[in-house]
Amino acid sequence: MVAAVIRFVAAVLIFTHFMPKNGRLVLSDGDTGTIYGEFNVEEGSMFSITFIHSVNKSPIEEIYQIKDDGIYLEECIYSAFGAGVATEVEEGQTLTYTDDGKMIISGFDRKIDNLSYIVGTVSDHVLKINNEEISLRDLCGRNSVVHFQYKK
């Protein structure tokens, strides 16, 4: 009987350890804390923000992953080099090219404690999450400071 209980407890612990942990990605106003939206996510989920760079006027997509302790930058996709974008690959990172010539820098694995964007007034910022594309201009308003936070 004791052996059966031990096996049961061990099985539950193993199952819960490897089971994805659910949480939510919360978007809030960086000034007032007002919540703009919440999205169900689980550890390992990816989301991205796409925007037109204000200086070099080319599209950029920044790709993030939800991990146990927060939000991590994983990849950046650039259409052109220029002011305000990465100009070299750091140790542990790789640079690859898509068939249409875009540059992908991957291997960041960098925790971002205070992820915020200022929504564009000329061009939009688009959140891609859970197979949806969401206009941050529509959701939050132009020139809004949008703070991203993972909550368990």
Protein backbone atom coordinates (compact mmCIF):
# COMPACT_ATOMS: atom_id res chain seq x y z
CA MET A 1 0.00 0.00 0.00
CA VAL A 2 2.80 2.44 0.93
CA ALA A 3 4.63 1.62 -2.32
CA ALA A 4 1.47 2.37 -4.32
CA VAL A 5 1.06 5.74 -2.60
CA ILE A 6 4.72 6.60 -3.25
CA ARG A 7 4.36 5.67 -6.95
CA PHE A 8 1.19 7.75 -7.20
CA VAL A 9 2.81 10.80 -5.58
CA ALA A 10 5.90 10.42 -7.79
CA ALA A 11 3.71 10.20 -10.90
CA VAL A 12 1.79 13.34 -9.93
CA LEU A 13 5.01 15.25 -9.25
CA ILE A 14 6.54 14.19 -12.56
CA PHE A 15 3.33 15.02 -14.46
CA THR A 16 2.97 18.48 -12.91
CA HIS A 17 6.67 19.23 -13.41
CA PHE A 18 6.53 18.59 -17.17
CA MET A 19 3.01 19.93 -17.75
CA PRO A 20 2.97 23.38 -19.35
CA LYS A 21 2.21 26.11 -16.84
CA ASN A 22 -0.53 28.49 -17.89
CA GLY A 23 -0.56 32.21 -17.29
CA ARG A 24 -1.41 35.37 -19.14
CA LEU A 25 0.34 38.10 -21.01
CA VAL A 26 -1.00 41.39 -19.67
CA LEU A 27 -0.80 44.61 -21.68
CA SER A 28 -1.24 47.74 -19.61
CA ASP A 29 -0.80 51.48 -19.87
CA GLY A 30 2.76 52.25 -18.83
CA ASP A 31 1.67 55.50 -17.18
CA THR A 32 -1.63 54.65 -15.44
CA GLY A 33 -1.56 50.84 -15.18
CA THR A 34 -4.93 50.54 -16.94
CA ILE A 35 -5.17 47.08 -18.50
CA TYR A 36 -5.60 47.11 -22.27
CA GLY A 37 -5.82 43.36 -22.73
CA GLU A 38 -4.91 39.94 -21.37
CA PHE A 39 -3.96 36.90 -23.44
CA ASN A 40 -3.77 33.30 -22.25
CA VAL A 41 -0.27 31.89 -22.68
CA GLU A 42 1.72 28.97 -21.38
CA GLU A 43 5.41 28.61 -20.75
CA GLY A 44 7.16 28.16 -24.06
CA SER A 45 4.61 30.29 -25.94
CA MET A 46 5.94 32.80 -28.43
CA PHE A 47 4.64 36.23 -29.40
CA SER A 48 6.02 39.05 -31.48
CA ILE A 49 5.75 42.76 -32.08
CA THR A 50 6.10 44.08 -35.62
CA PHE A 51 6.61 47.75 -36.41
CA ILE A 52 8.26 50.15 -38.85
CA HIS A 53 11.50 51.49 -37.43
CA SER A 54 11.23 55.24 -36.89
CA VAL A 55 14.70 56.04 -38.24
CA ASN A 56 15.49 53.59 -41.04
CA LYS A 57 11.79 53.18 -42.03
CA SER A 58 12.00 49.41 -42.51
CA PRO A 59 9.92 46.67 -40.86
CA ILE A 60 11.22 44.95 -37.73
CA GLU A 61 9.76 41.96 -35.92
CA GLU A 62 10.91 41.22 -32.38
CA ILE A 63 10.07 37.71 -31.18
CA TYR A 64 9.65 36.83 -27.51
CA GLN A 65 9.15 33.65 -25.54
CA ILE A 66 7.32 33.14 -22.26
CA LYS A 67 9.48 31.34 -19.70
CA ASP A 68 8.90 30.45 -16.06
CA ASP A 69 10.35 33.71 -14.78
CA GLY A 70 9.27 36.18 -17.45
CA ILE A 71 9.54 37.37 -21.03
CA TYR A 72 12.66 36.67 -23.10
CA LEU A 73 13.76 38.22 -26.40
CA GLU A 74 14.67 35.34 -28.73
CA GLU A 75 14.90 36.69 -32.31
CA CYS A 76 14.80 39.88 -34.33
CA ILE A 77 13.91 40.00 -38.01
CA TYR A 78 15.18 43.02 -39.96
CA SER A 79 14.63 44.15 -43.51
CA ALA A 80 17.56 46.57 -43.56
CA PHE A 81 20.54 47.55 -41.48
CA GLY A 82 20.65 51.11 -40.25
CA ALA A 83 20.57 53.38 -37.25
CA GLY A 84 18.90 51.83 -34.23
CA VAL A 85 19.16 48.17 -35.27
CA ALA A 86 21.77 45.55 -34.50
CA THR A 87 24.95 45.95 -36.50
CA GLU A 88 26.84 42.90 -35.26
CA VAL A 89 26.12 39.44 -33.93
CA GLU A 90 27.12 38.79 -30.33
CA GLU A 91 28.53 35.56 -28.92
CA GLY A 92 25.89 32.81 -28.99
CA GLN A 93 23.81 34.54 -31.65
CA THR A 94 23.42 33.63 -35.31
CA LEU A 95 22.58 35.62 -38.41
CA THR A 96 20.59 33.93 -41.16
CA TYR A 97 18.71 35.19 -44.19
CA THR A 98 15.24 34.38 -45.44
CA ASP A 99 14.57 33.65 -49.12
CA ASP A 100 13.31 37.22 -49.54
CA GLY A 101 16.47 38.74 -48.04
CA LYS A 102 15.33 39.52 -44.50
CA MET A 103 17.92 39.11 -41.76
CA ILE A 104 17.17 36.99 -38.69
CA ILE A 105 19.32 37.37 -35.62
CA SER A 106 18.56 34.56 -33.18
CA GLY A 107 20.01 33.26 -29.95
CA PHE A 108 19.39 36.29 -27.76
CA ASP A 109 17.73 34.40 -24.88
CA ARG A 110 17.69 37.73 -23.01
CA LYS A 111 15.22 38.33 -20.18
CA ILE A 112 13.38 41.62 -20.59
CA ASP A 113 12.13 42.77 -17.19
CA ASN A 114 10.40 45.93 -18.38
CA LEU A 115 9.12 45.34 -21.90
CA SER A 116 7.34 48.43 -23.19
CA TYR A 117 6.56 49.93 -26.57
CA ILE A 118 5.29 53.35 -27.57
CA VAL A 119 2.58 52.75 -30.15
CA GLY A 120 3.32 54.51 -33.41
CA THR A 121 1.54 57.60 -34.59
CA VAL A 122 2.59 57.19 -38.23
CA SER A 123 2.70 53.39 -38.43
CA ASP A 124 1.18 50.74 -36.21
CA HIS A 125 2.69 48.20 -33.85
CA VAL A 126 1.18 44.73 -34.32
CA LEU A 127 1.09 42.03 -31.66
CA LYS A 128 1.11 38.47 -33.03
CA ILE A 129 -0.05 36.03 -30.35
CA ASN A 130 -2.03 32.78 -30.30
CA ASN A 131 -2.39 32.83 -34.11
CA GLU A 132 -3.90 36.33 -34.04
CA GLU A 133 -2.65 39.72 -35.22
CA ILE A 134 -3.75 42.59 -33.00
CA SER A 135 -3.26 46.25 -33.82
CA LEU A 136 -1.86 47.99 -30.76
CA ARG A 137 -3.05 51.27 -32.24
CA ASP A 138 -6.64 49.94 -32.20
CA LEU A 139 -6.29 48.26 -28.80
CA CYS A 140 -4.32 50.94 -26.93
CA GLY A 141 -4.34 54.13 -29.00
CA ARG A 142 -1.67 56.09 -30.80
CA ASN A 143 1.32 57.22 -28.75
CA SER A 144 0.34 54.96 -25.81
CA VAL A 145 3.09 53.47 -23.67
CA VAL A 146 2.22 49.77 -23.55
CA HIS A 147 3.80 47.62 -20.86
CA PHE A 148 3.95 43.81 -21.33
CA GLN A 149 4.03 41.51 -18.31
CA TYR A 150 3.76 37.74 -17.84
CA LYS A 151 1.60 36.75 -14.88
CA LYS A 152 1.17 33.20 -13.65
